[in-house]
Amino acid sequence: MRQISPAQLAQRLDDPQQPAPVLLDVREPWELEICKIDGSVAMPMGSVPARFAELDRERETVVICHHGGRSAQVCMFLERQGFANVINLAGGVAGWAAQVDPGMAQY
């Protein structure tokens, strides 16, 4: 499974030369109320098996959770469904807050 660090993702999102990946946030709604990375699409982990057809199999997708564990599981699930371009955000939004956006609310 491919991984990307929060700093690498921030650099990627700031690069107008590269197409932006889908930011798939698999946390629960109450978690998203606390904090989220701008532009992310909410799809709680438990709903992914029923909703993954909504995603573009060809588009690069960075999967996000709190620390990187749930998102890693979703990446593996999507890969088994034929998605070849999924990437886990190592450290999740907690890592994003620590490395990229220290003003982000944390929990």
PDB file of N, CA and C in Angstrom:
ATOM      1  N   MET A   1       0.839  -1.178   0.000  1.00  0.00           N
ATOM      2  CA  MET A   1       0.000   0.000   0.000  1.00  0.00           C
ATOM      3  C   MET A   1       0.884   1.240   0.000  1.00  0.00           C
ATOM      4  N   ARG A   2       0.530   2.163  -0.852  1.00  0.00           N
ATOM      5  CA  ARG A   2       1.276   3.423  -0.914  1.00  0.00           C
ATOM      6  C   ARG A   2       0.865   4.327   0.244  1.00  0.00           C
ATOM      7  N   GLN A   3       1.816   5.113   0.715  1.00  0.00           N
ATOM      8  CA  GLN A   3       1.551   6.078   1.777  1.00  0.00           C
ATOM      9  C   GLN A   3       2.121   7.429   1.365  1.00  0.00           C
ATOM     10  N   ILE A   4       1.548   8.472   1.937  1.00  0.00           N
ATOM     11  CA  ILE A   4       2.046   9.824   1.733  1.00  0.00           C
ATOM     12  C   ILE A   4       2.059  10.506   3.092  1.00  0.00           C
ATOM     13  N   SER A   5       3.084  11.291   3.350  1.00  0.00           N
ATOM     14  CA  SER A   5       3.151  12.020   4.622  1.00  0.00           C
ATOM     15  C   SER A   5       2.291  13.274   4.506  1.00  0.00           C
ATOM     16  N   PRO A   6       1.880  13.827   5.636  1.00  0.00           N
ATOM     17  CA  PRO A   6       1.130  15.077   5.580  1.00  0.00           C
ATOM     18  C   PRO A   6       1.894  16.189   4.853  1.00  0.00           C
ATOM     19  N   ALA A   7       3.180  16.304   5.107  1.00  0.00           N
ATOM     20  CA  ALA A   7       3.975  17.348   4.445  1.00  0.00           C
ATOM     21  C   ALA A   7       4.007  17.131   2.931  1.00  0.00           C
ATOM     22  N   GLN A   8       4.151  15.878   2.502  1.00  0.00           N
ATOM     23  CA  GLN A   8       4.150  15.585   1.065  1.00  0.00           C
ATOM     24  C   GLN A   8       2.791  15.906   0.442  1.00  0.00           C
ATOM     25  N   LEU A   9       1.709  15.580   1.154  1.00  0.00           N
ATOM     26  CA  LEU A   9       0.371  15.881   0.636  1.00  0.00           C
ATOM     27  C   LEU A   9       0.167  17.387   0.528  1.00  0.00           C
ATOM     28  N   ALA A  10       0.583  18.133   1.531  1.00  0.00           N
ATOM     29  CA  ALA A  10       0.435  19.589   1.487  1.00  0.00           C
ATOM     30  C   ALA A  10       1.190  20.171   0.296  1.00  0.00           C
ATOM     31  N   GLN A  11       2.393  19.677   0.075  1.00  0.00           N
ATOM     32  CA  GLN A  11       3.191  20.141  -1.065  1.00  0.00           C
ATOM     33  C   GLN A  11       2.480  19.806  -2.376  1.00  0.00           C
ATOM     34  N   ARG A  12       1.947  18.618  -2.439  1.00  0.00           N
ATOM     35  CA  ARG A  12       1.225  18.178  -3.642  1.00  0.00           C
ATOM     36  C   ARG A  12       0.002  19.044  -3.891  1.00  0.00           C
ATOM     37  N   LEU A  13      -0.767  19.344  -2.834  1.00  0.00           N
ATOM     38  CA  LEU A  13      -1.980  20.150  -2.985  1.00  0.00           C
ATOM     39  C   LEU A  13      -1.659  21.587  -3.381  1.00  0.00           C
ATOM     40  N   ASP A  14      -0.465  22.062  -3.018  1.00  0.00           N
ATOM     41  CA  ASP A  14      -0.049  23.424  -3.353  1.00  0.00           C
ATOM     42  C   ASP A  14       0.539  23.539  -4.753  1.00  0.00           C
ATOM     43  N   ASP A  15       0.728  22.418  -5.436  1.00  0.00           N
ATOM     44  CA  ASP A  15       1.360  22.415  -6.761  1.00  0.00           C
ATOM     45  C   ASP A  15       0.303  22.503  -7.852  1.00  0.00           C
ATOM     46  N   PRO A  16       0.158  23.685  -8.484  1.00  0.00           N
ATOM     47  CA  PRO A  16      -0.871  23.834  -9.515  1.00  0.00           C
ATOM     48  C   PRO A  16      -0.588  23.009 -10.776  1.00  0.00           C
ATOM     49  N   GLN A  17       0.625  22.483 -10.901  1.00  0.00           N
ATOM     50  CA  GLN A  17       0.982  21.680 -12.076  1.00  0.00           C
ATOM     51  C   GLN A  17       0.417  20.266 -12.006  1.00  0.00           C
ATOM     52  N   GLN A  18       0.048  19.824 -10.797  1.00  0.00           N
ATOM     53  CA  GLN A  18      -0.442  18.455 -10.630  1.00  0.00           C
ATOM     54  C   GLN A  18      -1.940  18.465 -10.348  1.00  0.00           C
ATOM     55  N   PRO A  19      -2.661  17.516 -10.924  1.00  0.00           N
ATOM     56  CA  PRO A  19      -4.088  17.440 -10.609  1.00  0.00           C
ATOM     57  C   PRO A  19      -4.277  17.045  -9.142  1.00  0.00           C
ATOM     58  N   ALA A  20      -5.231  17.676  -8.502  1.00  0.00           N
ATOM     59  CA  ALA A  20      -5.475  17.383  -7.089  1.00  0.00           C
ATOM     60  C   ALA A  20      -6.088  15.994  -6.946  1.00  0.00           C
ATOM     61  N   PRO A  21      -5.613  15.221  -5.973  1.00  0.00           N
ATOM     62  CA  PRO A  21      -6.227  13.917  -5.722  1.00  0.00           C
ATOM     63  C   PRO A  21      -7.560  14.103  -4.999  1.00  0.00           C
ATOM     64  N   VAL A  22      -8.377  13.079  -5.036  1.00  0.00           N
ATOM     65  CA  VAL A  22      -9.563  13.049  -4.189  1.00  0.00           C
ATOM     66  C   VAL A  22      -9.078  12.844  -2.760  1.00  0.00           C
ATOM     67  N   LEU A  23      -9.577  13.627  -1.833  1.00  0.00           N
ATOM     68  CA  LEU A  23      -9.257  13.465  -0.417  1.00  0.00           C
ATOM     69  C   LEU A  23     -10.467  12.792   0.222  1.00  0.00           C
ATOM     70  N   LEU A  24     -10.351  11.499   0.469  1.00  0.00           N
ATOM     71  CA  LEU A  24     -11.464  10.706   0.986  1.00  0.00           C
ATOM     72  C   LEU A  24     -11.307  10.546   2.489  1.00  0.00           C
ATOM     73  N   ASP A  25     -12.141  11.228   3.263  1.00  0.00           N
ATOM     74  CA  ASP A  25     -12.070  11.179   4.721  1.00  0.00           C
ATOM     75  C   ASP A  25     -13.055  10.132   5.215  1.00  0.00           C
ATOM     76  N   VAL A  26     -12.534   9.101   5.856  1.00  0.00           N
ATOM     77  CA  VAL A  26     -13.374   7.971   6.276  1.00  0.00           C
ATOM     78  C   VAL A  26     -13.726   8.021   7.769  1.00  0.00           C
ATOM     79  N   ARG A  27     -13.528   9.170   8.406  1.00  0.00           N
ATOM     80  CA  ARG A  27     -13.888   9.302   9.813  1.00  0.00           C
ATOM     81  C   ARG A  27     -15.393   9.492   9.965  1.00  0.00           C
ATOM     82  N   GLU A  28     -15.842   9.407  11.200  1.00  0.00           N
ATOM     83  CA  GLU A  28     -17.255   9.552  11.527  1.00  0.00           C
ATOM     84  C   GLU A  28     -17.665  11.030  11.478  1.00  0.00           C
ATOM     85  N   PRO A  29     -18.960  11.306  11.257  1.00  0.00           N
ATOM     86  CA  PRO A  29     -19.414  12.705  11.177  1.00  0.00           C
ATOM     87  C   PRO A  29     -19.015  13.558  12.380  1.00  0.00           C
ATOM     88  N   TRP A  30     -19.063  12.989  13.590  1.00  0.00           N
ATOM     89  CA  TRP A  30     -18.701  13.792  14.762  1.00  0.00           C
ATOM     90  C   TRP A  30     -17.227  14.192  14.716  1.00  0.00           C
ATOM     91  N   GLU A  31     -16.388  13.361  14.105  1.00  0.00           N
ATOM     92  CA  GLU A  31     -14.967  13.694  13.990  1.00  0.00           C
ATOM     93  C   GLU A  31     -14.756  14.826  12.987  1.00  0.00           C
ATOM     94  N   LEU A  32     -15.535  14.784  11.899  1.00  0.00           N
ATOM     95  CA  LEU A  32     -15.416  15.820  10.882  1.00  0.00           C
ATOM     96  C   LEU A  32     -15.871  17.171  11.403  1.00  0.00           C
ATOM     97  N   GLU A  33     -16.773  17.175  12.386  1.00  0.00           N
ATOM     98  CA  GLU A  33     -17.211  18.438  12.973  1.00  0.00           C
ATOM     99  C   GLU A  33     -16.073  19.113  13.740  1.00  0.00           C
ATOM    100  N   ILE A  34     -15.124  18.332  14.222  1.00  0.00           N
ATOM    101  CA  ILE A  34     -14.001  18.885  14.986  1.00  0.00           C
ATOM    102  C   ILE A  34     -12.952  19.464  14.050  1.00  0.00           C
ATOM    103  N   CYS A  35     -12.581  18.700  13.025  1.00  0.00           N
ATOM    104  CA  CYS A  35     -11.556  19.166  12.099  1.00  0.00           C
ATOM    105  C   CYS A  35     -11.614  18.347  10.812  1.00  0.00           C
ATOM    106  N   LYS A  36     -11.136  18.957   9.735  1.00  0.00           N
ATOM    107  CA  LYS A  36     -10.996  18.241   8.470  1.00  0.00           C
ATOM    108  C   LYS A  36     -10.062  19.026   7.564  1.00  0.00           C
ATOM    109  N   ILE A  37      -9.519  18.322   6.602  1.00  0.00           N
ATOM    110  CA  ILE A  37      -8.669  18.962   5.595  1.00  0.00           C
ATOM    111  C   ILE A  37      -9.596  19.527   4.533  1.00  0.00           C
ATOM    112  N   ASP A  38      -9.411  20.803   4.213  1.00  0.00           N
ATOM    113  CA  ASP A  38     -10.280  21.453   3.231  1.00  0.00           C
ATOM    114  C   ASP A  38     -10.328  20.662   1.927  1.00  0.00           C
ATOM    115  N   GLY A  39     -11.524  20.542   1.393  1.00  0.00           N
ATOM    116  CA  GLY A  39     -11.711  19.859   0.123  1.00  0.00           C
ATOM    117  C   GLY A  39     -11.931  18.372   0.235  1.00  0.00           C
ATOM    118  N   SER A  40     -11.906  17.844   1.461  1.00  0.00           N
ATOM    119  CA  SER A  40     -12.073  16.396   1.608  1.00  0.00           C
ATOM    120  C   SER A  40     -13.543  15.999   1.447  1.00  0.00           C
ATOM    121  N   VAL A  41     -13.721  14.778   0.973  1.00  0.00           N
ATOM    122  CA  VAL A  41     -15.036  14.174   0.769  1.00  0.00           C
ATOM    123  C   VAL A  41     -15.284  13.207   1.915  1.00  0.00           C
ATOM    124  N   ALA A  42     -16.424  13.347   2.573  1.00  0.00           N
ATOM    125  CA  ALA A  42     -16.737  12.484   3.711  1.00  0.00           C
ATOM    126  C   ALA A  42     -17.419  11.199   3.251  1.00  0.00           C
ATOM    127  N   MET A  43     -16.871  10.067   3.699  1.00  0.00           N
ATOM    128  CA  MET A  43     -17.476   8.757   3.474  1.00  0.00           C
ATOM    129  C   MET A  43     -17.052   7.878   4.651  1.00  0.00           C
ATOM    130  N   PRO A  44     -17.848   7.870   5.735  1.00  0.00           N
ATOM    131  CA  PRO A  44     -17.448   7.089   6.908  1.00  0.00           C
ATOM    132  C   PRO A  44     -17.074   5.654   6.543  1.00  0.00           C
ATOM    133  N   MET A  45     -16.063   5.133   7.219  1.00  0.00           N
ATOM    134  CA  MET A  45     -15.517   3.817   6.915  1.00  0.00           C
ATOM    135  C   MET A  45     -16.610   2.755   6.765  1.00  0.00           C
ATOM    136  N   GLY A  46     -17.577   2.752   7.656  1.00  0.00           N
ATOM    137  CA  GLY A  46     -18.624   1.740   7.609  1.00  0.00           C
ATOM    138  C   GLY A  46     -19.500   1.810   6.381  1.00  0.00           C
ATOM    139  N   SER A  47     -19.510   2.959   5.711  1.00  0.00           N
ATOM    140  CA  SER A  47     -20.344   3.110   4.514  1.00  0.00           C
ATOM    141  C   SER A  47     -19.583   2.816   3.221  1.00  0.00           C
ATOM    142  N   VAL A  48     -18.272   2.670   3.307  1.00  0.00           N
ATOM    143  CA  VAL A  48     -17.466   2.489   2.088  1.00  0.00           C
ATOM    144  C   VAL A  48     -17.881   1.253   1.284  1.00  0.00           C
ATOM    145  N   PRO A  49     -18.119   0.080   1.896  1.00  0.00           N
ATOM    146  CA  PRO A  49     -18.514  -1.074   1.077  1.00  0.00           C
ATOM    147  C   PRO A  49     -19.784  -0.843   0.256  1.00  0.00           C
ATOM    148  N   ALA A  50     -20.697  -0.049   0.771  1.00  0.00           N
ATOM    149  CA  ALA A  50     -21.938   0.228   0.042  1.00  0.00           C
ATOM    150  C   ALA A  50     -21.801   1.405  -0.926  1.00  0.00           C
ATOM    151  N   ARG A  51     -20.784   2.246  -0.725  1.00  0.00           N
ATOM    152  CA  ARG A  51     -20.692   3.490  -1.498  1.00  0.00           C
ATOM    153  C   ARG A  51     -19.474   3.612  -2.394  1.00  0.00           C
ATOM    154  N   PHE A  52     -18.569   2.627  -2.396  1.00  0.00           N
ATOM    155  CA  PHE A  52     -17.314   2.818  -3.143  1.00  0.00           C
ATOM    156  C   PHE A  52     -17.541   3.029  -4.633  1.00  0.00           C
ATOM    157  N   ALA A  53     -18.690   2.608  -5.158  1.00  0.00           N
ATOM    158  CA  ALA A  53     -18.976   2.813  -6.582  1.00  0.00           C
ATOM    159  C   ALA A  53     -19.106   4.303  -6.918  1.00  0.00           C
ATOM    160  N   GLU A  54     -19.303   5.148  -5.902  1.00  0.00           N
ATOM    161  CA  GLU A  54     -19.373   6.594  -6.123  1.00  0.00           C
ATOM    162  C   GLU A  54     -18.007   7.176  -6.460  1.00  0.00           C
ATOM    163  N   LEU A  55     -16.941   6.425  -6.196  1.00  0.00           N
ATOM    164  CA  LEU A  55     -15.578   6.911  -6.408  1.00  0.00           C
ATOM    165  C   LEU A  55     -15.083   6.571  -7.803  1.00  0.00           C
ATOM    166  N   ASP A  56     -14.203   7.406  -8.322  1.00  0.00           N
ATOM    167  CA  ASP A  56     -13.587   7.196  -9.628  1.00  0.00           C
ATOM    168  C   ASP A  56     -12.379   6.275  -9.454  1.00  0.00           C
ATOM    169  N   ARG A  57     -12.457   5.073 -10.015  1.00  0.00           N
ATOM    170  CA  ARG A  57     -11.376   4.089  -9.876  1.00  0.00           C
ATOM    171  C   ARG A  57     -10.051   4.570 -10.454  1.00  0.00           C
ATOM    172  N   GLU A  58     -10.112   5.464 -11.423  1.00  0.00           N
ATOM    173  CA  GLU A  58      -8.903   5.913 -12.110  1.00  0.00           C
ATOM    174  C   GLU A  58      -8.246   7.107 -11.431  1.00  0.00           C
ATOM    175  N   ARG A  59      -8.998   7.846 -10.654  1.00  0.00           N
ATOM    176  CA  ARG A  59      -8.456   9.068 -10.054  1.00  0.00           C
ATOM    177  C   ARG A  59      -7.659   8.755  -8.798  1.00  0.00           C
ATOM    178  N   GLU A  60      -6.550   9.433  -8.636  1.00  0.00           N
ATOM    179  CA  GLU A  60      -5.745   9.258  -7.438  1.00  0.00           C
ATOM    180  C   GLU A  60      -6.579   9.667  -6.224  1.00  0.00           C
ATOM    181  N   THR A  61      -6.593   8.797  -5.210  1.00  0.00           N
ATOM    182  CA  THR A  61      -7.403   9.022  -4.019  1.00  0.00           C
ATOM    183  C   THR A  61      -6.538   8.862  -2.785  1.00  0.00           C
ATOM    184  N   VAL A  62      -6.486   9.918  -1.964  1.00  0.00           N
ATOM    185  CA  VAL A  62      -5.774   9.868  -0.695  1.00  0.00           C
ATOM    186  C   VAL A  62      -6.818   9.636   0.388  1.00  0.00           C
ATOM    187  N   VAL A  63      -6.665   8.542   1.129  1.00  0.00           N
ATOM    188  CA  VAL A  63      -7.635   8.174   2.154  1.00  0.00           C
ATOM    189  C   VAL A  63      -7.131   8.676   3.511  1.00  0.00           C
ATOM    190  N   ILE A  64      -8.049   9.300   4.267  1.00  0.00           N
ATOM    191  CA  ILE A  64      -7.708  10.021   5.496  1.00  0.00           C
ATOM    192  C   ILE A  64      -8.556   9.519   6.656  1.00  0.00           C
ATOM    193  N   CYS A  65      -7.923   9.374   7.829  1.00  0.00           N
ATOM    194  CA  CYS A  65      -8.663   9.133   9.071  1.00  0.00           C
ATOM    195  C   CYS A  65      -7.957   9.905  10.188  1.00  0.00           C
ATOM    196  N   HIS A  66      -8.131   9.489  11.433  1.00  0.00           N
ATOM    197  CA  HIS A  66      -7.541  10.217  12.550  1.00  0.00           C
ATOM    198  C   HIS A  66      -6.027  10.006  12.638  1.00  0.00           C
ATOM    199  N   HIS A  67      -5.592   8.754  12.657  1.00  0.00           N
ATOM    200  CA  HIS A  67      -4.156   8.458  12.788  1.00  0.00           C
ATOM    201  C   HIS A  67      -3.587   7.635  11.639  1.00  0.00           C
ATOM    202  N   GLY A  68      -4.402   7.123  10.750  1.00  0.00           N
ATOM    203  CA  GLY A  68      -3.910   6.357   9.603  1.00  0.00           C
ATOM    204  C   GLY A  68      -4.279   4.893   9.607  1.00  0.00           C
ATOM    205  N   GLY A  69      -4.886   4.382  10.673  1.00  0.00           N
ATOM    206  CA  GLY A  69      -5.242   2.969  10.749  1.00  0.00           C
ATOM    207  C   GLY A  69      -6.484   2.608   9.950  1.00  0.00           C
ATOM    208  N   ARG A  70      -7.565   3.358  10.171  1.00  0.00           N
ATOM    209  CA  ARG A  70      -8.798   3.086   9.427  1.00  0.00           C
ATOM    210  C   ARG A  70      -8.594   3.352   7.946  1.00  0.00           C
ATOM    211  N   SER A  71      -7.877   4.416   7.639  1.00  0.00           N
ATOM    212  CA  SER A  71      -7.649   4.735   6.232  1.00  0.00           C
ATOM    213  C   SER A  71      -6.823   3.651   5.546  1.00  0.00           C
ATOM    214  N   ALA A  72      -5.883   3.049   6.262  1.00  0.00           N
ATOM    215  CA  ALA A  72      -5.105   1.946   5.694  1.00  0.00           C
ATOM    216  C   ALA A  72      -6.020   0.766   5.369  1.00  0.00           C
ATOM    217  N   GLN A  73      -6.965   0.475   6.254  1.00  0.00           N
ATOM    218  CA  GLN A  73      -7.912  -0.612   5.996  1.00  0.00           C
ATOM    219  C   GLN A  73      -8.774  -0.304   4.778  1.00  0.00           C
ATOM    220  N   VAL A  74      -9.213   0.943   4.656  1.00  0.00           N
ATOM    221  CA  VAL A  74     -10.027   1.332   3.496  1.00  0.00           C
ATOM    222  C   VAL A  74      -9.190   1.247   2.228  1.00  0.00           C
ATOM    223  N   CYS A  75      -7.933   1.650   2.277  1.00  0.00           N
ATOM    224  CA  CYS A  75      -7.057   1.524   1.106  1.00  0.00           C
ATOM    225  C   CYS A  75      -6.975   0.069   0.654  1.00  0.00           C
ATOM    226  N   MET A  76      -6.769  -0.830   1.605  1.00  0.00           N
ATOM    227  CA  MET A  76      -6.682  -2.258   1.247  1.00  0.00           C
ATOM    228  C   MET A  76      -7.990  -2.750   0.649  1.00  0.00           C
ATOM    229  N   PHE A  77      -9.126  -2.327   1.209  1.00  0.00           N
ATOM    230  CA  PHE A  77     -10.429  -2.709   0.672  1.00  0.00           C
ATOM    231  C   PHE A  77     -10.576  -2.199  -0.763  1.00  0.00           C
ATOM    232  N   LEU A  78     -10.261  -0.922  -0.987  1.00  0.00           N
ATOM    233  CA  LEU A  78     -10.405  -0.355  -2.328  1.00  0.00           C
ATOM    234  C   LEU A  78      -9.480  -1.042  -3.318  1.00  0.00           C
ATOM    235  N   GLU A  79      -8.269  -1.374  -2.897  1.00  0.00           N
ATOM    236  CA  GLU A  79      -7.357  -2.099  -3.786  1.00  0.00           C
ATOM    237  C   GLU A  79      -7.945  -3.446  -4.182  1.00  0.00           C
ATOM    238  N   ARG A  80      -8.595  -4.125  -3.241  1.00  0.00           N
ATOM    239  CA  ARG A  80      -9.233  -5.417  -3.561  1.00  0.00           C
ATOM    240  C   ARG A  80     -10.414  -5.248  -4.514  1.00  0.00           C
ATOM    241  N   GLN A  81     -10.967  -4.041  -4.557  1.00  0.00           N
ATOM    242  CA  GLN A  81     -12.079  -3.763  -5.470  1.00  0.00           C
ATOM    243  C   GLN A  81     -11.580  -3.272  -6.832  1.00  0.00           C
ATOM    244  N   GLY A  82     -10.282  -3.249  -7.028  1.00  0.00           N
ATOM    245  CA  GLY A  82      -9.725  -2.867  -8.321  1.00  0.00           C
ATOM    246  C   GLY A  82      -9.234  -1.439  -8.431  1.00  0.00           C
ATOM    247  N   PHE A  83      -9.204  -0.717  -7.328  1.00  0.00           N
ATOM    248  CA  PHE A  83      -8.665   0.647  -7.349  1.00  0.00           C
ATOM    249  C   PHE A  83      -7.142   0.538  -7.294  1.00  0.00           C
ATOM    250  N   ALA A  84      -6.470   1.106  -8.283  1.00  0.00           N
ATOM    251  CA  ALA A  84      -5.018   0.971  -8.360  1.00  0.00           C
ATOM    252  C   ALA A  84      -4.289   2.218  -7.863  1.00  0.00           C
ATOM    253  N   ASN A  85      -5.016   3.274  -7.596  1.00  0.00           N
ATOM    254  CA  ASN A  85      -4.371   4.547  -7.315  1.00  0.00           C
ATOM    255  C   ASN A  85      -4.835   5.133  -5.988  1.00  0.00           C
ATOM    256  N   VAL A  86      -4.797   4.316  -4.914  1.00  0.00           N
ATOM    257  CA  VAL A  86      -5.164   4.792  -3.583  1.00  0.00           C
ATOM    258  C   VAL A  86      -3.914   4.921  -2.721  1.00  0.00           C
ATOM    259  N   ILE A  87      -3.919   5.942  -1.877  1.00  0.00           N
ATOM    260  CA  ILE A  87      -2.766   6.264  -1.043  1.00  0.00           C
ATOM    261  C   ILE A  87      -3.272   6.557   0.371  1.00  0.00           C
ATOM    262  N   ASN A  88      -2.609   6.008   1.352  1.00  0.00           N
ATOM    263  CA  ASN A  88      -2.953   6.257   2.748  1.00  0.00           C
ATOM    264  C   ASN A  88      -2.221   7.499   3.256  1.00  0.00           C
ATOM    265  N   LEU A  89      -2.949   8.382   3.955  1.00  0.00           N
ATOM    266  CA  LEU A  89      -2.301   9.522   4.598  1.00  0.00           C
ATOM    267  C   LEU A  89      -1.705   9.036   5.908  1.00  0.00           C
ATOM    268  N   ALA A  90      -0.399   8.877   5.932  1.00  0.00           N
ATOM    269  CA  ALA A  90       0.312   8.401   7.125  1.00  0.00           C
ATOM    270  C   ALA A  90       0.132   9.411   8.254  1.00  0.00           C
ATOM    271  N   GLY A  91      -0.332   8.941   9.399  1.00  0.00           N
ATOM    272  CA  GLY A  91      -0.533   9.824  10.542  1.00  0.00           C
ATOM    273  C   GLY A  91      -1.871  10.524  10.574  1.00  0.00           C
ATOM    274  N   GLY A  92      -2.639  10.431   9.492  1.00  0.00           N
ATOM    275  CA  GLY A  92      -3.979  10.997   9.447  1.00  0.00           C
ATOM    276  C   GLY A  92      -4.043  12.488   9.725  1.00  0.00           C
ATOM    277  N   VAL A  93      -5.241  12.937  10.163  1.00  0.00           N
ATOM    278  CA  VAL A  93      -5.399  14.366  10.445  1.00  0.00           C
ATOM    279  C   VAL A  93      -4.572  14.787  11.661  1.00  0.00           C
ATOM    280  N   ALA A  94      -4.273  13.856  12.547  1.00  0.00           N
ATOM    281  CA  ALA A  94      -3.402  14.195  13.675  1.00  0.00           C
ATOM    282  C   ALA A  94      -2.015  14.558  13.159  1.00  0.00           C
ATOM    283  N   GLY A  95      -1.508  13.802  12.198  1.00  0.00           N
ATOM    284  CA  GLY A  95      -0.230  14.125  11.579  1.00  0.00           C
ATOM    285  C   GLY A  95      -0.291  15.422  10.788  1.00  0.00           C
ATOM    286  N   TRP A  96      -1.419  15.651  10.122  1.00  0.00           N
ATOM    287  CA  TRP A  96      -1.609  16.894   9.366  1.00  0.00           C
ATOM    288  C   TRP A  96      -1.516  18.088  10.321  1.00  0.00           C
ATOM    289  N   ALA A  97      -2.205  17.985  11.464  1.00  0.00           N
ATOM    290  CA  ALA A  97      -2.173  19.073  12.452  1.00  0.00           C
ATOM    291  C   ALA A  97      -0.754  19.281  12.978  1.00  0.00           C
ATOM    292  N   ALA A  98      -0.025  18.200  13.202  1.00  0.00           N
ATOM    293  CA  ALA A  98       1.329  18.311  13.747  1.00  0.00           C
ATOM    294  C   ALA A  98       2.327  18.862  12.731  1.00  0.00           C
ATOM    295  N   GLN A  99       2.202  18.455  11.469  1.00  0.00           N
ATOM    296  CA  GLN A  99       3.216  18.799  10.470  1.00  0.00           C
ATOM    297  C   GLN A  99       2.851  19.959   9.560  1.00  0.00           C
ATOM    298  N   VAL A 100       1.545  20.178   9.341  1.00  0.00           N
ATOM    299  CA  VAL A 100       1.135  21.131   8.313  1.00  0.00           C
ATOM    300  C   VAL A 100       0.329  22.299   8.880  1.00  0.00           C
ATOM    301  N   ASP A 101      -0.642  22.003   9.729  1.00  0.00           N
ATOM    302  CA  ASP A 101      -1.585  23.022  10.199  1.00  0.00           C
ATOM    303  C   ASP A 101      -1.699  22.984  11.719  1.00  0.00           C
ATOM    304  N   PRO A 102      -0.723  23.584  12.420  1.00  0.00           N
ATOM    305  CA  PRO A 102      -0.737  23.506  13.892  1.00  0.00           C
ATOM    306  C   PRO A 102      -1.952  24.195  14.518  1.00  0.00           C
ATOM    307  N   GLY A 103      -2.668  25.013  13.774  1.00  0.00           N
ATOM    308  CA  GLY A 103      -3.865  25.663  14.295  1.00  0.00           C
ATOM    309  C   GLY A 103      -5.106  24.810  14.205  1.00  0.00           C
ATOM    310  N   MET A 104      -4.997  23.651  13.557  1.00  0.00           N
ATOM    311  CA  MET A 104      -6.152  22.768  13.405  1.00  0.00           C
ATOM    312  C   MET A 104      -6.570  22.215  14.758  1.00  0.00           C
ATOM    313  N   ALA A 105      -7.875  22.188  14.993  1.00  0.00           N
ATOM    314  CA  ALA A 105      -8.389  21.590  16.234  1.00  0.00           C
ATOM    315  C   ALA A 105      -8.020  20.118  16.249  1.00  0.00           C
ATOM    316  N   GLN A 106      -7.718  19.601  17.449  1.00  0.00           N
ATOM    317  CA  GLN A 106      -7.332  18.201  17.572  1.00  0.00           C
ATOM    318  C   GLN A 106      -8.209  17.520  18.618  1.00  0.00           C
ATOM    319  N   TYR A 107      -8.240  16.215  18.548  1.00  0.00           N
ATOM    320  CA  TYR A 107      -9.001  15.419  19.521  1.00  0.00           C
ATOM    321  C   TYR A 107      -8.285  14.130  19.778  1.00  0.00           C
TER     322      TYR A 107
END
